[in-house]
Each structure stands twice: as C-alpha cells, then as structure tokens.
Amino acid sequence: AHTGESRERIWMRRMLMERYPELILRMFEMVGSFEDAMATAVAAHSGSDADDCYPRLAAAVAATVMRVAVGRWAACHSDDPLEAHVSEMFGLLRECLLDEASESTASRSVGADQ
C-alpha cells in the first residue's frame, strides 16, 4: 500500500508539472540542492573541495542514478520498493565502473609489455 501511495504522489507531481510548467524550475532547484549536498559529502570523504571536479561529477552521476531509479520504479507495476530500484541502478553503475577500470588496467598492462 505504501508503494502505491508513493507512486500516486509521483504521478500527481508529474501531472502538476505538466499543467504548471513553472514548477519544473522548482524541481531543478531541488535537484541542485541534492547535488550540492552530495558534492559536499563526497568532498568531505575525499578531502577535496565541494566545487572540485570529482565531487561535482560524482554528485551529478548520483542525481542521474536517482532520477533513473525513480522513473523505473514509478513506471513499473510491481510491488518492489523504490530502494530496490535505487540499489539496482547503483549496482549497474558500479559494474560499469569496475568493468571500465579492469579494461583500462588490462590495456595498460598490454602496453607495458611491448
């Protein structure tokens, strides 16, 4: 029941934004605030400044992962909680990054042998 109510709220927000496009600006402000908070947290963890490239990029990627997860969750007709979709999307991102890191390391090793 809780999942259905949450989906209903998201659907209603979407309908409101379609009817009142000026609300889209408010949504972007909220996403910007989320990204700022994420960048601050990443910077604190990495020992860098929140305006550095790494924290800003990590925050933007996290916001995109959340947007995709919420979109998939809102569109599906299962009883899976939002958290399951968020975990799935961050898991996919992790796999992509690990695959890329593995390929990058392998290509550097091959180049070093020559």
Protein backbone atom coordinates (compact mmCIF):
# COMPACT_ATOMS: atom_id res chain seq x y z
CA ALA A 1 0.00 0.00 0.00
CA HIS A 2 2.82 2.40 0.87
CA THR A 3 4.45 1.81 -2.53
CA GLY A 4 1.21 2.55 -4.36
CA GLU A 5 0.69 5.78 -2.41
CA SER A 6 4.21 6.91 -3.23
CA ARG A 7 3.77 6.14 -6.92
CA GLU A 8 0.50 8.03 -6.87
CA ARG A 9 2.25 11.06 -5.36
CA ILE A 10 4.94 10.96 -8.04
CA TRP A 11 2.31 10.67 -10.76
CA MET A 12 0.41 13.63 -9.27
CA ARG A 13 3.60 15.72 -9.16
CA ARG A 14 4.27 14.87 -12.79
CA MET A 15 0.74 15.91 -13.73
CA LEU A 16 1.12 19.18 -11.81
CA MET A 17 4.37 19.95 -13.61
CA GLU A 18 2.71 19.31 -16.95
CA ARG A 19 -0.14 21.62 -16.00
CA TYR A 20 2.08 24.25 -14.33
CA PRO A 21 5.46 24.24 -16.10
CA GLU A 22 6.84 26.86 -13.70
CA LEU A 23 7.05 24.07 -11.12
CA ILE A 24 9.78 22.46 -13.23
CA LEU A 25 12.13 25.25 -12.16
CA ARG A 26 11.44 24.40 -8.52
CA MET A 27 12.20 20.75 -9.24
CA PHE A 28 15.55 21.72 -10.80
CA GLU A 29 16.33 23.81 -7.72
CA MET A 30 15.64 20.79 -5.52
CA VAL A 31 17.87 18.57 -7.65
CA GLY A 32 20.56 21.25 -7.48
CA SER A 33 20.31 21.27 -3.69
CA PHE A 34 20.61 17.47 -3.66
CA GLU A 35 23.70 17.67 -5.88
CA ASP A 36 25.23 20.35 -3.65
CA ALA A 37 24.71 18.18 -0.57
CA MET A 38 26.15 15.14 -2.35
CA ALA A 39 29.18 17.12 -3.58
CA THR A 40 29.79 18.37 -0.04
CA ALA A 41 29.63 14.80 1.31
CA VAL A 42 31.94 13.44 -1.41
CA ALA A 43 34.38 16.31 -0.82
CA ALA A 44 34.44 15.64 2.92
CA HIS A 45 35.09 11.97 2.26
CA SER A 46 37.79 12.57 -0.37
CA GLY A 47 39.46 15.51 1.33
CA SER A 48 38.77 17.87 -1.54
CA ASP A 49 36.69 20.99 -2.06
CA ALA A 50 32.97 20.61 -2.91
CA ASP A 51 33.49 22.68 -6.07
CA ASP A 52 36.27 20.45 -7.40
CA CYS A 53 35.53 18.34 -10.47
CA TYR A 54 35.45 14.96 -8.74
CA PRO A 55 32.80 15.80 -6.08
CA ARG A 56 30.66 17.69 -8.62
CA LEU A 57 30.80 14.84 -11.14
CA ALA A 58 30.06 12.21 -8.51
CA ALA A 59 27.07 14.25 -7.29
CA ALA A 60 25.72 14.70 -10.82
CA VAL A 61 26.05 10.97 -11.50
CA ALA A 62 24.29 10.15 -8.22
CA ALA A 63 21.43 12.51 -9.11
CA THR A 64 21.08 10.85 -12.50
CA VAL A 65 21.08 7.38 -10.95
CA MET A 66 18.32 8.52 -8.59
CA ARG A 67 16.30 10.02 -11.47
CA VAL A 68 16.51 6.80 -13.49
CA ALA A 69 15.65 4.66 -10.47
CA VAL A 70 12.61 6.75 -9.58
CA GLY A 71 11.47 6.74 -13.21
CA ARG A 72 11.73 2.97 -13.48
CA TRP A 73 10.01 2.48 -10.13
CA ALA A 74 7.15 4.85 -10.98
CA ALA A 75 6.60 3.16 -14.35
CA CYS A 76 6.64 -0.46 -13.15
CA HIS A 77 3.64 -2.30 -11.84
CA SER A 78 5.37 -4.48 -9.27
CA ASP A 79 5.41 -4.12 -5.52
CA ASP A 80 9.19 -3.67 -5.47
CA PRO A 81 10.16 -0.80 -3.18
CA LEU A 82 11.95 2.24 -4.57
CA GLU A 83 15.05 1.19 -2.61
CA ALA A 84 15.32 -1.96 -4.74
CA HIS A 85 15.44 0.13 -7.93
CA VAL A 86 17.97 2.54 -6.42
CA SER A 87 20.19 -0.38 -5.37
CA GLU A 88 19.87 -1.94 -8.81
CA MET A 89 20.85 1.28 -10.60
CA PHE A 90 23.84 1.96 -8.33
CA GLY A 91 24.84 -1.71 -8.77
CA LEU A 92 24.79 -1.29 -12.54
CA LEU A 93 26.88 1.85 -12.26
CA ARG A 94 29.37 0.04 -10.05
CA GLU A 95 29.62 -2.84 -12.53
CA CYS A 96 30.20 -0.41 -15.40
CA LEU A 97 32.93 1.40 -13.49
CA LEU A 98 34.61 -1.83 -12.40
CA ASP A 99 34.49 -3.19 -15.96
CA GLU A 100 35.99 0.03 -17.29
CA ALA A 101 38.69 0.04 -14.62
CA SER A 102 39.51 -3.58 -15.37
CA GLU A 103 39.74 -2.92 -19.11
CA SER A 104 41.86 0.17 -18.51
CA THR A 105 44.26 -1.77 -16.28
CA ALA A 106 44.47 -4.60 -18.81
CA SER A 107 45.23 -2.25 -21.69
CA ARG A 108 47.96 -0.52 -19.65
CA SER A 109 49.50 -3.91 -18.84
CA VAL A 110 49.49 -4.89 -22.51
CA GLY A 111 51.13 -1.59 -23.45
CA ALA A 112 53.79 -2.04 -20.78
CA ASP A 113 54.75 -5.46 -22.15
CA GLN A 114 55.62 -4.10 -25.57
